[in-house]
Protein backbone atom coordinates (compact mmCIF):
# COMPACT_ATOMS: atom_id res chain seq x y z
CA GLY A 1 -34.58 -48.63 84.48
CA GLY A 2 -33.74 -45.86 82.06
CA SER A 3 -35.34 -42.50 81.79
CA GLY A 4 -35.28 -39.78 79.15
CA ASN A 5 -35.77 -39.85 75.44
CA SER A 6 -33.61 -41.56 72.86
CA ALA A 7 -31.19 -39.05 71.38
CA CYS A 8 -29.81 -41.28 68.63
CA PRO A 9 -30.78 -44.38 66.71
CA MET A 10 -30.95 -47.63 68.57
CA LEU A 11 -28.65 -50.46 67.66
CA ILE A 12 -29.73 -54.11 67.67
CA ALA A 13 -26.93 -56.68 67.97
CA ASP A 14 -25.80 -59.91 69.63
CA LEU A 15 -23.13 -58.23 71.74
CA ASN A 16 -21.59 -61.24 73.48
CA GLY A 17 -22.07 -64.11 71.05
CA ASP A 18 -24.82 -65.85 73.04
CA TRP A 19 -27.38 -65.73 70.19
CA GLN A 20 -29.49 -63.33 72.27
CA TRP A 21 -30.38 -59.94 70.78
CA ASN A 22 -29.56 -56.77 72.68
CA VAL A 23 -30.76 -53.22 72.02
CA VAL A 24 -28.26 -50.44 72.70
CA VAL A 25 -29.90 -47.06 73.30
CA GLY A 26 -28.41 -43.60 73.72
CA LEU A 27 -30.37 -41.28 75.99
CA ALA A 28 -30.46 -37.48 75.85
CA ASN A 29 -28.44 -37.15 79.07
CA GLY A 30 -25.40 -39.06 77.72
CA THR A 31 -26.42 -42.37 79.30
CA ILE A 32 -26.15 -45.58 77.28
CA ALA A 33 -28.37 -48.56 78.08
CA VAL A 34 -28.15 -52.19 76.94
CA VAL A 35 -31.55 -53.89 76.94
CA ASP A 36 -32.38 -57.58 76.58
CA ALA A 37 -34.52 -57.49 73.44
CA ALA A 38 -36.58 -60.56 74.37
CA ALA A 39 -37.36 -59.61 77.97
CA GLY A 40 -37.27 -55.83 77.64
CA SER A 41 -35.16 -55.59 80.79
CA VAL A 42 -32.21 -53.22 81.18
CA LEU A 43 -29.01 -55.29 81.48
CA HIS A 44 -26.58 -52.38 81.82
CA GLU A 45 -26.94 -48.63 82.08
CA GLU A 46 -24.04 -46.18 82.34
CA ALA A 47 -23.55 -42.42 82.13
CA VAL A 48 -20.88 -42.46 79.43
CA ALA A 49 -20.68 -38.85 78.29
CA SER A 50 -21.82 -35.42 79.35
CA LYS A 51 -23.42 -34.93 75.93
CA PRO A 52 -25.89 -37.11 74.04
CA ALA A 53 -24.62 -39.65 71.57
CA ILE A 54 -24.97 -38.74 67.90
CA GLY A 55 -24.36 -42.31 66.81
CA ILE A 56 -23.86 -45.87 68.05
CA ALA A 57 -22.15 -48.72 66.21
CA CYS A 58 -20.68 -52.06 67.19
CA GLY A 59 -18.14 -54.54 65.92
CA GLU A 60 -15.55 -57.10 66.94
CA LEU A 61 -12.78 -54.58 67.52
CA LEU A 62 -10.60 -56.46 70.00
CA GLU A 63 -9.52 -60.07 70.35
CA ASN A 64 -12.30 -61.33 72.63
CA ALA A 65 -15.54 -63.29 72.48
CA GLY A 66 -17.91 -60.42 71.80
CA GLN A 67 -18.53 -57.09 70.19
CA GLU A 68 -17.55 -53.68 71.42
CA ILE A 69 -19.89 -50.69 71.31
CA LEU A 70 -18.79 -47.41 69.74
CA VAL A 71 -20.50 -44.29 71.02
CA ALA A 72 -19.95 -41.07 69.10
CA THR A 73 -20.64 -37.64 70.54
CA ASP A 74 -19.81 -34.40 68.78
CA GLU A 75 -16.59 -34.22 70.88
CA ARG A 76 -15.43 -37.80 71.60
CA LEU A 77 -15.49 -41.39 70.41
CA TYR A 78 -15.91 -44.03 73.12
CA CYS A 79 -15.28 -47.77 72.85
CA LEU A 80 -17.25 -49.75 75.44
CA SER A 81 -17.54 -53.40 76.38
CA ALA A 82 -20.95 -55.09 76.20
CA ALA A 83 -21.21 -54.36 79.96
CA LEU A 84 -20.58 -50.64 79.17
CA GLU A 85 -17.09 -50.49 80.67
CA THR A 86 -15.00 -47.83 78.90
CA LEU A 87 -12.17 -49.58 77.02
CA TRP A 88 -10.83 -46.41 75.39
CA GLU A 89 -11.94 -42.93 74.43
CA ILE A 90 -10.42 -40.32 72.16
CA PRO A 91 -11.19 -36.68 71.45
CA MET A 92 -12.71 -36.45 67.97
CA GLU A 93 -15.20 -33.97 66.55
CA LEU A 94 -17.59 -36.35 64.82
CA SER A 95 -20.44 -35.51 62.50
CA GLY A 96 -22.22 -38.87 62.50
CA THR A 97 -22.22 -42.57 63.26
CA PRO A 98 -18.99 -44.46 62.63
CA ALA A 99 -18.94 -47.63 60.54
CA VAL A 100 -16.99 -50.80 61.39
CA SER A 101 -15.25 -53.02 58.87
CA GLY A 102 -13.43 -56.27 59.60
CA ALA A 103 -12.89 -57.89 62.99
CA GLY A 104 -10.15 -58.33 65.58
CA THR A 105 -6.72 -57.22 64.37
CA ASP A 106 -8.25 -56.42 60.95
CA ALA A 107 -10.96 -54.17 62.39
CA ARG A 108 -11.28 -50.67 60.98
CA ILE A 109 -13.45 -47.89 62.34
CA LEU A 110 -14.47 -45.25 59.78
CA ALA A 111 -15.50 -41.98 61.39
CA PRO A 112 -16.74 -38.81 59.65
CA THR A 113 -15.53 -35.61 61.31
CA ARG A 114 -17.13 -32.19 61.48
CA HIS A 115 -14.10 -30.77 59.69
CA GLY A 116 -14.71 -32.85 56.59
CA ALA A 117 -12.35 -35.78 57.01
CA LEU A 118 -13.04 -39.49 56.88
CA VAL A 119 -10.78 -40.95 59.58
CA CYS A 120 -9.86 -44.63 59.82
CA LEU A 121 -8.96 -46.00 63.26
CA ASP A 122 -7.87 -49.47 64.28
CA GLY A 123 -9.72 -51.41 66.99
CA SER A 124 -7.68 -49.76 69.74
CA GLY A 125 -8.52 -46.24 68.56
CA ASP A 126 -5.21 -45.43 66.85
CA GLU A 127 -5.47 -43.49 63.60
CA ARG A 128 -4.51 -45.50 60.50
CA TRP A 129 -5.27 -42.88 57.84
CA ARG A 130 -7.27 -39.75 57.13
CA ASP A 131 -8.96 -38.73 53.84
CA GLU A 132 -9.82 -35.05 53.53
CA ARG A 133 -11.31 -35.33 49.98
CA ALA A 134 -14.86 -36.40 50.75
CA ALA A 135 -15.57 -35.09 54.17
CA ALA A 136 -17.68 -32.02 53.54
CA ALA A 137 -20.01 -34.19 51.50
CA ILE A 138 -20.14 -36.94 54.17
CA ALA A 139 -21.05 -34.72 57.12
CA GLY A 140 -24.07 -36.08 58.97
CA HIS A 141 -24.83 -38.96 56.61
CA PRO A 142 -24.64 -42.68 57.44
CA LEU A 143 -21.68 -44.66 56.14
CA ILE A 144 -21.91 -48.13 54.65
CA VAL A 145 -18.83 -50.26 54.05
CA ALA A 146 -19.09 -52.91 51.37
CA ALA A 147 -16.65 -55.34 49.77
CA SER A 148 -15.94 -54.86 46.09
CA ASN A 149 -14.33 -57.53 43.92
CA GLY A 150 -13.48 -59.53 47.04
CA ASP A 151 -10.41 -57.52 48.04
CA GLN A 152 -11.21 -53.82 48.04
CA GLU A 153 -13.65 -52.18 50.41
CA VAL A 154 -15.76 -49.22 49.44
CA CYS A 155 -17.31 -46.63 51.75
CA ILE A 156 -20.71 -45.58 50.40
CA PHE A 157 -22.55 -42.51 51.69
CA GLY A 158 -25.20 -40.01 50.80
CA SER A 159 -23.85 -36.52 50.25
CA GLU A 160 -25.20 -33.05 50.85
CA ASP A 161 -25.78 -32.50 47.13
CA GLY A 162 -28.25 -35.42 47.07
CA LEU A 163 -25.90 -37.86 45.31
CA ILE A 164 -24.72 -41.26 46.53
CA ARG A 165 -20.94 -41.38 46.54
CA ALA A 166 -18.33 -44.06 47.09
CA ILE A 167 -14.67 -43.98 48.12
CA ILE A 168 -12.32 -46.93 47.63
CA LEU A 169 -10.72 -47.40 51.03
CA PRO A 170 -6.95 -47.61 51.35
CA GLU A 171 -5.49 -50.68 53.04
């Protein structure tokens, strides 16, 4: 069983496509736990980072039957399997929770950095593009990705000046 207090929001998702809900929790000591939502039992628990997570997201990032878990700390971004095996990790100074758009080979991870950039990664963690225009305003605020007119995607976020802003995402 887990111990400690939750250091970041919990995430509720069907991680492996079995129609069973899981709760992913980040603990203050850098441990991540996956809990069976129906039974309340801990399925997996792993010390992932030396620092607490500042955000957790999930999405179908790789070509497999389930979803991967993204864990953001202020120094690294980790991609984990549903069983909490580290698939990849990259150094990245994040300011909040990443957002996931698309699935499989079309997956995009949008990550806000402490230095004011919105960085787009593919499902394997490789950088696709970086937008420096909006970053200072994004810092620490949740990102939402929405489709617009069927083809274009828009990243919507609250900004430090109290406004809601949107950026049309490049391909």
